[in-house]
Amino acid sequence: VYVGAVMVLFLFVVMMLDINLERLREGFWKNLPLAAVVG
């Protein structure tokens, strides 16, 4: 289910779209304390 279907679809979408990596990582440091607490 996950490796055979979901991840193949996710890889297809990621490679077909033009993803702005800088925009994805804008809120990384802001959300890091909450993520550390949950982890």
PDB file of all heavy atoms in Angstrom:
ATOM      1  N   VAL A   1       0.830  -1.206   0.000  1.00  0.00           N
ATOM      2  CA  VAL A   1       0.000   0.000   0.000  1.00  0.00           C
ATOM      3  C   VAL A   1       0.865   1.257   0.000  1.00  0.00           C
ATOM      4  O   VAL A   1       0.706   2.138  -0.856  1.00  0.00           O
ATOM      5  CB  VAL A   1      -0.962  -0.006   1.200  1.00  0.00           C
ATOM      6  CG1 VAL A   1      -1.720   1.298   1.283  1.00  0.00           C
ATOM      7  CG2 VAL A   1      -1.927  -1.175   1.093  1.00  0.00           C
ATOM      8  N   TYR A   2       1.794   1.351   0.950  1.00  0.00           N
ATOM      9  CA  TYR A   2       2.548   2.595   1.091  1.00  0.00           C
ATOM     10  C   TYR A   2       3.701   2.686   0.109  1.00  0.00           C
ATOM     11  O   TYR A   2       3.850   3.679  -0.601  1.00  0.00           O
ATOM     12  CB  TYR A   2       3.048   2.746   2.525  1.00  0.00           C
ATOM     13  CG  TYR A   2       1.950   3.135   3.478  1.00  0.00           C
ATOM     14  CD1 TYR A   2       1.282   2.180   4.238  1.00  0.00           C
ATOM     15  CD2 TYR A   2       1.567   4.452   3.597  1.00  0.00           C
ATOM     16  CE1 TYR A   2       0.265   2.530   5.095  1.00  0.00           C
ATOM     17  CE2 TYR A   2       0.553   4.825   4.454  1.00  0.00           C
ATOM     18  CZ  TYR A   2      -0.098   3.855   5.201  1.00  0.00           C
ATOM     19  OH  TYR A   2      -1.113   4.211   6.037  1.00  0.00           O
ATOM     20  N   VAL A   3       4.540   1.660   0.059  1.00  0.00           N
ATOM     21  CA  VAL A   3       5.690   1.723  -0.847  1.00  0.00           C
ATOM     22  C   VAL A   3       5.235   1.558  -2.290  1.00  0.00           C
ATOM     23  O   VAL A   3       5.703   2.273  -3.180  1.00  0.00           O
ATOM     24  CB  VAL A   3       6.721   0.641  -0.465  1.00  0.00           C
ATOM     25  CG1 VAL A   3       7.893   0.654  -1.428  1.00  0.00           C
ATOM     26  CG2 VAL A   3       7.210   0.860   0.953  1.00  0.00           C
ATOM     27  N   GLY A   4       4.313   0.645  -2.540  1.00  0.00           N
ATOM     28  CA  GLY A   4       3.926   0.366  -3.911  1.00  0.00           C
ATOM     29  C   GLY A   4       2.991   1.377  -4.529  1.00  0.00           C
ATOM     30  O   GLY A   4       3.007   1.572  -5.733  1.00  0.00           O
ATOM     31  N   ALA A   5       2.161   2.036  -3.742  1.00  0.00           N
ATOM     32  CA  ALA A   5       1.162   2.938  -4.316  1.00  0.00           C
ATOM     33  C   ALA A   5       1.352   4.381  -3.863  1.00  0.00           C
ATOM     34  O   ALA A   5       1.544   5.284  -4.680  1.00  0.00           O
ATOM     35  CB  ALA A   5      -0.236   2.451  -3.937  1.00  0.00           C
ATOM     36  N   VAL A   6       1.323   4.603  -2.562  1.00  0.00           N
ATOM     37  CA  VAL A   6       1.334   5.982  -2.046  1.00  0.00           C
ATOM     38  C   VAL A   6       2.659   6.675  -2.353  1.00  0.00           C
ATOM     39  O   VAL A   6       2.688   7.814  -2.823  1.00  0.00           O
ATOM     40  CB  VAL A   6       1.031   5.976  -0.537  1.00  0.00           C
ATOM     41  CG1 VAL A   6       1.155   7.368   0.037  1.00  0.00           C
ATOM     42  CG2 VAL A   6      -0.340   5.405  -0.270  1.00  0.00           C
ATOM     43  N   MET A   7       3.778   5.991  -2.108  1.00  0.00           N
ATOM     44  CA  MET A   7       5.067   6.642  -2.314  1.00  0.00           C
ATOM     45  C   MET A   7       5.374   6.836  -3.792  1.00  0.00           C
ATOM     46  O   MET A   7       6.022   7.810  -4.174  1.00  0.00           O
ATOM     47  CB  MET A   7       6.175   5.831  -1.636  1.00  0.00           C
ATOM     48  CG  MET A   7       6.111   5.877  -0.128  1.00  0.00           C
ATOM     49  SD  MET A   7       5.957   7.554   0.543  1.00  0.00           S
ATOM     50  CE  MET A   7       7.388   8.338  -0.121  1.00  0.00           C
ATOM     51  N   VAL A   8       4.925   5.916  -4.647  1.00  0.00           N
ATOM     52  CA  VAL A   8       5.113   6.116  -6.087  1.00  0.00           C
ATOM     53  C   VAL A   8       4.334   7.337  -6.558  1.00  0.00           C
ATOM     54  O   VAL A   8       4.842   8.171  -7.320  1.00  0.00           O
ATOM     55  CB  VAL A   8       4.688   4.847  -6.852  1.00  0.00           C
ATOM     56  CG1 VAL A   8       4.654   5.097  -8.344  1.00  0.00           C
ATOM     57  CG2 VAL A   8       5.631   3.705  -6.531  1.00  0.00           C
ATOM     58  N   LEU A   9       3.099   7.475  -6.078  1.00  0.00           N
ATOM     59  CA  LEU A   9       2.308   8.649  -6.418  1.00  0.00           C
ATOM     60  C   LEU A   9       2.943   9.925  -5.868  1.00  0.00           C
ATOM     61  O   LEU A   9       3.009  10.949  -6.551  1.00  0.00           O
ATOM     62  CB  LEU A   9       0.891   8.489  -5.873  1.00  0.00           C
ATOM     63  CG  LEU A   9      -0.070   9.646  -6.125  1.00  0.00           C
ATOM     64  CD1 LEU A   9      -0.309   9.822  -7.609  1.00  0.00           C
ATOM     65  CD2 LEU A   9      -1.381   9.417  -5.404  1.00  0.00           C
ATOM     66  N   PHE A  10       3.450   9.868  -4.641  1.00  0.00           N
ATOM     67  CA  PHE A  10       4.086  11.037  -4.047  1.00  0.00           C
ATOM     68  C   PHE A  10       5.340  11.431  -4.832  1.00  0.00           C
ATOM     69  O   PHE A  10       5.574  12.621  -5.087  1.00  0.00           O
ATOM     70  CB  PHE A  10       4.427  10.741  -2.585  1.00  0.00           C
ATOM     71  CG  PHE A  10       5.029  11.902  -1.858  1.00  0.00           C
ATOM     72  CD1 PHE A  10       4.267  12.993  -1.517  1.00  0.00           C
ATOM     73  CD2 PHE A  10       6.373  11.914  -1.526  1.00  0.00           C
ATOM     74  CE1 PHE A  10       4.811  14.074  -0.857  1.00  0.00           C
ATOM     75  CE2 PHE A  10       6.934  12.985  -0.868  1.00  0.00           C
ATOM     76  CZ  PHE A  10       6.154  14.069  -0.537  1.00  0.00           C
ATOM     77  N   LEU A  11       6.157  10.451  -5.207  1.00  0.00           N
ATOM     78  CA  LEU A  11       7.346  10.755  -6.005  1.00  0.00           C
ATOM     79  C   LEU A  11       6.958  11.346  -7.357  1.00  0.00           C
ATOM     80  O   LEU A  11       7.609  12.277  -7.843  1.00  0.00           O
ATOM     81  CB  LEU A  11       8.166   9.476  -6.219  1.00  0.00           C
ATOM     82  CG  LEU A  11       9.136   9.106  -5.110  1.00  0.00           C
ATOM     83  CD1 LEU A  11       9.750   7.751  -5.395  1.00  0.00           C
ATOM     84  CD2 LEU A  11      10.218  10.144  -4.975  1.00  0.00           C
ATOM     85  N   PHE A  12       5.903  10.831  -7.973  1.00  0.00           N
ATOM     86  CA  PHE A  12       5.452  11.359  -9.254  1.00  0.00           C
ATOM     87  C   PHE A  12       5.037  12.817  -9.117  1.00  0.00           C
ATOM     88  O   PHE A  12       5.408  13.663  -9.932  1.00  0.00           O
ATOM     89  CB  PHE A  12       4.295  10.512  -9.772  1.00  0.00           C
ATOM     90  CG  PHE A  12       3.744  10.972 -11.080  1.00  0.00           C
ATOM     91  CD1 PHE A  12       4.428  10.744 -12.257  1.00  0.00           C
ATOM     92  CD2 PHE A  12       2.534  11.648 -11.133  1.00  0.00           C
ATOM     93  CE1 PHE A  12       3.923  11.173 -13.457  1.00  0.00           C
ATOM     94  CE2 PHE A  12       2.015  12.080 -12.329  1.00  0.00           C
ATOM     95  CZ  PHE A  12       2.717  11.847 -13.505  1.00  0.00           C
ATOM     96  N   VAL A  13       4.280  13.133  -8.067  1.00  0.00           N
ATOM     97  CA  VAL A  13       3.829  14.506  -7.860  1.00  0.00           C
ATOM     98  C   VAL A  13       5.002  15.427  -7.557  1.00  0.00           C
ATOM     99  O   VAL A  13       5.093  16.546  -8.077  1.00  0.00           O
ATOM    100  CB  VAL A  13       2.782  14.549  -6.724  1.00  0.00           C
ATOM    101  CG1 VAL A  13       2.465  15.978  -6.334  1.00  0.00           C
ATOM    102  CG2 VAL A  13       1.515  13.838  -7.148  1.00  0.00           C
ATOM    103  N   VAL A  14       5.951  14.966  -6.731  1.00  0.00           N
ATOM    104  CA  VAL A  14       7.090  15.797  -6.366  1.00  0.00           C
ATOM    105  C   VAL A  14       7.949  16.103  -7.588  1.00  0.00           C
ATOM    106  O   VAL A  14       8.410  17.231  -7.787  1.00  0.00           O
ATOM    107  CB  VAL A  14       7.924  15.101  -5.268  1.00  0.00           C
ATOM    108  CG1 VAL A  14       9.298  15.729  -5.131  1.00  0.00           C
ATOM    109  CG2 VAL A  14       7.192  15.178  -3.941  1.00  0.00           C
ATOM    110  N   MET A  15       8.149  15.107  -8.446  1.00  0.00           N
ATOM    111  CA  MET A  15       9.011  15.331  -9.609  1.00  0.00           C
ATOM    112  C   MET A  15       8.305  16.116 -10.706  1.00  0.00           C
ATOM    113  O   MET A  15       8.960  16.759 -11.526  1.00  0.00           O
ATOM    114  CB  MET A  15       9.504  13.990 -10.153  1.00  0.00           C
ATOM    115  CG  MET A  15      10.525  13.334  -9.238  1.00  0.00           C
ATOM    116  SD  MET A  15      11.323  11.883  -9.930  1.00  0.00           S
ATOM    117  CE  MET A  15       9.970  10.736  -9.967  1.00  0.00           C
ATOM    118  N   MET A  16       6.968  16.083 -10.738  1.00  0.00           N
ATOM    119  CA  MET A  16       6.252  16.830 -11.768  1.00  0.00           C
ATOM    120  C   MET A  16       6.042  18.292 -11.399  1.00  0.00           C
ATOM    121  O   MET A  16       5.944  19.143 -12.280  1.00  0.00           O
ATOM    122  CB  MET A  16       4.883  16.180 -12.027  1.00  0.00           C
ATOM    123  CG  MET A  16       4.956  14.839 -12.726  1.00  0.00           C
ATOM    124  SD  MET A  16       5.652  14.950 -14.373  1.00  0.00           S
ATOM    125  CE  MET A  16       4.366  15.827 -15.227  1.00  0.00           C
ATOM    126  N   LEU A  17       5.976  18.596 -10.106  1.00  0.00           N
ATOM    127  CA  LEU A  17       5.735  19.968  -9.677  1.00  0.00           C
ATOM    128  C   LEU A  17       7.042  20.708  -9.479  1.00  0.00           C
ATOM    129  O   LEU A  17       8.071  20.130  -9.131  1.00  0.00           O
ATOM    130  CB  LEU A  17       4.935  19.980  -8.371  1.00  0.00           C
ATOM    131  CG  LEU A  17       3.529  19.391  -8.429  1.00  0.00           C
ATOM    132  CD1 LEU A  17       2.897  19.426  -7.065  1.00  0.00           C
ATOM    133  CD2 LEU A  17       2.665  20.161  -9.423  1.00  0.00           C
ATOM    134  N   ASP A  18       6.988  21.998  -9.679  1.00  0.00           N
ATOM    135  CA  ASP A  18       8.145  22.858  -9.420  1.00  0.00           C
ATOM    136  C   ASP A  18       8.034  23.362  -7.985  1.00  0.00           C
ATOM    137  O   ASP A  18       7.327  24.318  -7.703  1.00  0.00           O
ATOM    138  CB  ASP A  18       8.168  24.017 -10.417  1.00  0.00           C
ATOM    139  CG  ASP A  18       9.435  24.842 -10.292  1.00  0.00           C
ATOM    140  OD1 ASP A  18      10.409  24.342  -9.693  1.00  0.00           O
ATOM    141  OD2 ASP A  18       9.452  25.976 -10.795  1.00  0.00           O
ATOM    142  N   ILE A  19       8.739  22.706  -7.068  1.00  0.00           N
ATOM    143  CA  ILE A  19       8.606  23.013  -5.648  1.00  0.00           C
ATOM    144  C   ILE A  19       9.663  24.029  -5.238  1.00  0.00           C
ATOM    145  O   ILE A  19      10.849  23.865  -5.519  1.00  0.00           O
ATOM    146  CB  ILE A  19       8.736  21.728  -4.805  1.00  0.00           C
ATOM    147  CG1 ILE A  19       7.609  20.772  -5.172  1.00  0.00           C
ATOM    148  CG2 ILE A  19       8.709  22.030  -3.327  1.00  0.00           C
ATOM    149  CD1 ILE A  19       7.686  19.453  -4.465  1.00  0.00           C
ATOM    150  N   ASN A  20       9.223  25.068  -4.555  1.00  0.00           N
ATOM    151  CA  ASN A  20      10.131  26.080  -4.039  1.00  0.00           C
ATOM    152  C   ASN A  20      10.630  25.630  -2.662  1.00  0.00           C
ATOM    153  O   ASN A  20       9.894  25.661  -1.671  1.00  0.00           O
ATOM    154  CB  ASN A  20       9.400  27.429  -3.939  1.00  0.00           C
ATOM    155  CG  ASN A  20      10.341  28.558  -3.622  1.00  0.00           C
ATOM    156  OD1 ASN A  20      11.544  28.359  -3.467  1.00  0.00           O
ATOM    157  ND2 ASN A  20       9.800  29.762  -3.514  1.00  0.00           N
ATOM    158  N   LEU A  21      11.884  25.194  -2.603  1.00  0.00           N
ATOM    159  CA  LEU A  21      12.417  24.630  -1.360  1.00  0.00           C
ATOM    160  C   LEU A  21      12.566  25.690  -0.283  1.00  0.00           C
ATOM    161  O   LEU A  21      12.385  25.410   0.904  1.00  0.00           O
ATOM    162  CB  LEU A  21      13.770  23.970  -1.632  1.00  0.00           C
ATOM    163  CG  LEU A  21      13.746  22.790  -2.615  1.00  0.00           C
ATOM    164  CD1 LEU A  21      15.151  22.255  -2.822  1.00  0.00           C
ATOM    165  CD2 LEU A  21      12.838  21.706  -2.098  1.00  0.00           C
ATOM    166  N   GLU A  22      12.905  26.918  -0.681  1.00  0.00           N
ATOM    167  CA  GLU A  22      13.066  27.965   0.331  1.00  0.00           C
ATOM    168  C   GLU A  22      11.746  28.281   1.017  1.00  0.00           C
ATOM    169  O   GLU A  22      11.691  28.514   2.222  1.00  0.00           O
ATOM    170  CB  GLU A  22      13.634  29.236  -0.316  1.00  0.00           C
ATOM    171  CG  GLU A  22      15.091  29.142  -0.722  1.00  0.00           C
ATOM    172  CD  GLU A  22      15.294  28.365  -1.997  1.00  0.00           C
ATOM    173  OE1 GLU A  22      14.285  28.124  -2.708  1.00  0.00           O
ATOM    174  OE2 GLU A  22      16.440  27.983  -2.291  1.00  0.00           O
ATOM    175  N   ARG A  23      10.668  28.257   0.251  1.00  0.00           N
ATOM    176  CA  ARG A  23       9.359  28.538   0.845  1.00  0.00           C
ATOM    177  C   ARG A  23       8.919  27.410   1.771  1.00  0.00           C
ATOM    178  O   ARG A  23       8.228  27.633   2.767  1.00  0.00           O
ATOM    179  CB  ARG A  23       8.332  28.738  -0.273  1.00  0.00           C
ATOM    180  CG  ARG A  23       6.994  29.194   0.226  1.00  0.00           C
ATOM    181  CD  ARG A  23       6.067  29.500  -0.910  1.00  0.00           C
ATOM    182  NE  ARG A  23       4.767  29.933  -0.442  1.00  0.00           N
ATOM    183  CZ  ARG A  23       3.745  30.217  -1.220  1.00  0.00           C
ATOM    184  NH1 ARG A  23       3.884  30.132  -2.537  1.00  0.00           N
ATOM    185  NH2 ARG A  23       2.595  30.607  -0.720  1.00  0.00           N
ATOM    186  N   LEU A  24       9.283  26.170   1.436  1.00  0.00           N
ATOM    187  CA  LEU A  24       8.924  25.047   2.293  1.00  0.00           C
ATOM    188  C   LEU A  24       9.605  25.121   3.653  1.00  0.00           C
ATOM    189  O   LEU A  24       9.067  24.667   4.654  1.00  0.00           O
ATOM    190  CB  LEU A  24       9.291  23.728   1.612  1.00  0.00           C
ATOM    191  CG  LEU A  24       8.391  23.267   0.472  1.00  0.00           C
ATOM    192  CD1 LEU A  24       8.942  21.992  -0.137  1.00  0.00           C
ATOM    193  CD2 LEU A  24       6.983  23.029   0.969  1.00  0.00           C
ATOM    194  N   ARG A  25      10.812  25.678   3.686  1.00  0.00           N
ATOM    195  CA  ARG A  25      11.587  25.690   4.928  1.00  0.00           C
ATOM    196  C   ARG A  25      11.485  27.014   5.682  1.00  0.00           C
ATOM    197  O   ARG A  25      12.283  27.277   6.573  1.00  0.00           O
ATOM    198  CB  ARG A  25      13.049  25.399   4.622  1.00  0.00           C
ATOM    199  CG  ARG A  25      13.253  24.004   4.049  1.00  0.00           C
ATOM    200  CD  ARG A  25      14.707  23.658   3.913  1.00  0.00           C
ATOM    201  NE  ARG A  25      14.866  22.277   3.525  1.00  0.00           N
ATOM    202  CZ  ARG A  25      14.918  21.254   4.358  1.00  0.00           C
ATOM    203  NH1 ARG A  25      14.816  21.466   5.648  1.00  0.00           N
ATOM    204  NH2 ARG A  25      15.053  20.019   3.931  1.00  0.00           N
ATOM    205  N   GLU A  26      10.504  27.848   5.319  1.00  0.00           N
ATOM    206  CA  GLU A  26      10.383  29.139   5.997  1.00  0.00           C
ATOM    207  C   GLU A  26      10.049  28.988   7.474  1.00  0.00           C
ATOM    208  O   GLU A  26      10.623  29.653   8.312  1.00  0.00           O
ATOM    209  CB  GLU A  26       9.314  29.983   5.295  1.00  0.00           C
ATOM    210  CG  GLU A  26       9.802  30.617   4.010  1.00  0.00           C
ATOM    211  CD  GLU A  26       8.704  31.416   3.346  1.00  0.00           C
ATOM    212  OE1 GLU A  26       7.572  31.407   3.860  1.00  0.00           O
ATOM    213  OE2 GLU A  26       8.970  32.044   2.319  1.00  0.00           O
ATOM    214  N   GLY A  27       9.104  28.099   7.815  1.00  0.00           N
ATOM    215  CA  GLY A  27       8.675  27.975   9.200  1.00  0.00           C
ATOM    216  C   GLY A  27       9.363  26.879   9.978  1.00  0.00           C
ATOM    217  O   GLY A  27       8.842  26.431  10.998  1.00  0.00           O
ATOM    218  N   PHE A  28      10.548  26.422   9.491  1.00  0.00           N
ATOM    219  CA  PHE A  28      11.218  25.304  10.164  1.00  0.00           C
ATOM    220  C   PHE A  28      11.665  25.674  11.563  1.00  0.00           C
ATOM    221  O   PHE A  28      11.356  24.990  12.538  1.00  0.00           O
ATOM    222  CB  PHE A  28      12.413  24.844   9.312  1.00  0.00           C
ATOM    223  CG  PHE A  28      13.176  23.708   9.925  1.00  0.00           C
ATOM    224  CD1 PHE A  28      12.667  22.421   9.864  1.00  0.00           C
ATOM    225  CD2 PHE A  28      14.381  23.925  10.562  1.00  0.00           C
ATOM    226  CE1 PHE A  28      13.366  21.367  10.422  1.00  0.00           C
ATOM    227  CE2 PHE A  28      15.079  22.889  11.123  1.00  0.00           C
ATOM    228  CZ  PHE A  28      14.577  21.601  11.053  1.00  0.00           C
ATOM    229  N   TRP A  29      12.397  26.764  11.697  1.00  0.00           N
ATOM    230  CA  TRP A  29      12.929  27.144  13.015  1.00  0.00           C
ATOM    231  C   TRP A  29      11.833  27.633  13.946  1.00  0.00           C
ATOM    232  O   TRP A  29      11.941  27.507  15.164  1.00  0.00           O
ATOM    233  CB  TRP A  29      14.001  28.221  12.847  1.00  0.00           C
ATOM    234  CG  TRP A  29      15.199  27.710  12.105  1.00  0.00           C
ATOM    235  CD1 TRP A  29      15.583  28.040  10.845  1.00  0.00           C
ATOM    236  CD2 TRP A  29      16.158  26.762  12.583  1.00  0.00           C
ATOM    237  NE1 TRP A  29      16.716  27.353  10.500  1.00  0.00           N
ATOM    238  CE2 TRP A  29      17.093  26.575  11.546  1.00  0.00           C
ATOM    239  CE3 TRP A  29      16.314  26.057  13.779  1.00  0.00           C
ATOM    240  CZ2 TRP A  29      18.166  25.702  11.683  1.00  0.00           C
ATOM    241  CZ3 TRP A  29      17.385  25.185  13.910  1.00  0.00           C
ATOM    242  CH2 TRP A  29      18.298  25.013  12.877  1.00  0.00           C
ATOM    243  N   LYS A  30      10.757  28.185  13.378  1.00  0.00           N
ATOM    244  CA  LYS A  30       9.662  28.658  14.215  1.00  0.00           C
ATOM    245  C   LYS A  30       8.915  27.490  14.860  1.00  0.00           C
ATOM    246  O   LYS A  30       8.468  27.570  16.005  1.00  0.00           O
ATOM    247  CB  LYS A  30       8.707  29.509  13.364  1.00  0.00           C
ATOM    248  CG  LYS A  30       7.558  30.110  14.154  1.00  0.00           C
ATOM    249  CD  LYS A  30       6.703  30.993  13.279  1.00  0.00           C
ATOM    250  CE  LYS A  30       5.959  30.143  12.274  1.00  0.00           C
ATOM    251  NZ  LYS A  30       4.987  30.930  11.479  1.00  0.00           N
ATOM    252  N   ASN A  31       8.774  26.390  14.127  1.00  0.00           N
ATOM    253  CA  ASN A  31       8.047  25.223  14.631  1.00  0.00           C
ATOM    254  C   ASN A  31       8.945  24.194  15.308  1.00  0.00           C
ATOM    255  O   ASN A  31       8.443  23.172  15.776  1.00  0.00           O
ATOM    256  CB  ASN A  31       7.290  24.540  13.486  1.00  0.00           C
ATOM    257  CG  ASN A  31       6.263  25.453  12.868  1.00  0.00           C
ATOM    258  OD1 ASN A  31       5.639  26.253  13.555  1.00  0.00           O
ATOM    259  ND2 ASN A  31       6.087  25.360  11.566  1.00  0.00           N
ATOM    260  N   LEU A  32      10.249  24.454  15.359  1.00  0.00           N
ATOM    261  CA  LEU A  32      11.171  23.474  15.936  1.00  0.00           C
ATOM    262  C   LEU A  32      10.930  23.218  17.423  1.00  0.00           C
ATOM    263  O   LEU A  32      10.958  22.054  17.852  1.00  0.00           O
ATOM    264  CB  LEU A  32      12.617  23.924  15.697  1.00  0.00           C
ATOM    265  CG  LEU A  32      13.701  22.964  16.179  1.00  0.00           C
ATOM    266  CD1 LEU A  32      13.574  21.630  15.452  1.00  0.00           C
ATOM    267  CD2 LEU A  32      15.078  23.554  15.971  1.00  0.00           C
ATOM    268  N   PRO A  33      10.666  24.218  18.282  1.00  0.00           N
ATOM    269  CA  PRO A  33      10.435  23.911  19.709  1.00  0.00           C
ATOM    270  C   PRO A  33       9.223  23.005  19.932  1.00  0.00           C
ATOM    271  O   PRO A  33       9.286  22.048  20.714  1.00  0.00           O
ATOM    272  CB  PRO A  33      10.225  25.291  20.346  1.00  0.00           C
ATOM    273  CG  PRO A  33      10.902  26.242  19.435  1.00  0.00           C
ATOM    274  CD  PRO A  33      10.738  25.687  18.070  1.00  0.00           C
ATOM    275  N   LEU A  34       8.108  23.282  19.248  1.00  0.00           N
ATOM    276  CA  LEU A  34       6.930  22.437  19.394  1.00  0.00           C
ATOM    277  C   LEU A  34       7.204  21.018  18.893  1.00  0.00           C
ATOM    278  O   LEU A  34       6.795  20.033  19.523  1.00  0.00           O
ATOM    279  CB  LEU A  34       5.756  23.052  18.635  1.00  0.00           C
ATOM    280  CG  LEU A  34       4.450  22.258  18.672  1.00  0.00           C
ATOM    281  CD1 LEU A  34       3.947  22.112  20.104  1.00  0.00           C
ATOM    282  CD2 LEU A  34       3.418  22.906  17.782  1.00  0.00           C
ATOM    283  N   ALA A  35       7.909  20.905  17.766  1.00  0.00           N
ATOM    284  CA  ALA A  35       8.242  19.585  17.234  1.00  0.00           C
ATOM    285  C   ALA A  35       9.149  18.823  18.197  1.00  0.00           C
ATOM    286  O   ALA A  35       9.005  17.605  18.378  1.00  0.00           O
ATOM    287  CB  ALA A  35       8.913  19.721  15.871  1.00  0.00           C
ATOM    288  N   ALA A  36      10.084  19.524  18.844  1.00  0.00           N
ATOM    289  CA  ALA A  36      10.966  18.864  19.807  1.00  0.00           C
ATOM    290  C   ALA A  36      10.191  18.369  21.025  1.00  0.00           C
ATOM    291  O   ALA A  36      10.450  17.268  21.539  1.00  0.00           O
ATOM    292  CB  ALA A  36      12.071  19.828  20.240  1.00  0.00           C
ATOM    293  N   VAL A  37       9.220  19.158  21.485  1.00  0.00           N
ATOM    294  CA  VAL A  37       8.409  18.727  22.633  1.00  0.00           C
ATOM    295  C   VAL A  37       7.584  17.490  22.282  1.00  0.00           C
ATOM    296  O   VAL A  37       7.532  16.510  23.026  1.00  0.00           O
ATOM    297  CB  VAL A  37       7.505  19.888  23.110  1.00  0.00           C
ATOM    298  CG1 VAL A  37       6.491  19.399  24.118  1.00  0.00           C
ATOM    299  CG2 VAL A  37       8.345  21.000  23.698  1.00  0.00           C
ATOM    300  N   VAL A  38       6.924  17.521  21.114  1.00  0.00           N
ATOM    301  CA  VAL A  38       6.113  16.367  20.695  1.00  0.00           C
ATOM    302  C   VAL A  38       6.989  15.138  20.495  1.00  0.00           C
ATOM    303  O   VAL A  38       6.641  14.021  20.916  1.00  0.00           O
ATOM    304  CB  VAL A  38       5.324  16.714  19.409  1.00  0.00           C
ATOM    305  CG1 VAL A  38       4.624  15.482  18.860  1.00  0.00           C
ATOM    306  CG2 VAL A  38       4.323  17.811  19.692  1.00  0.00           C
ATOM    307  N   GLY A  39       8.149  15.309  19.874  1.00  0.00           N
ATOM    308  CA  GLY A  39       9.065  14.184  19.690  1.00  0.00           C
ATOM    309  C   GLY A  39       9.566  13.637  21.014  1.00  0.00           C
ATOM    310  O   GLY A  39       9.706  12.415  21.191  1.00  0.00           O
TER     311      GLY A  39
END
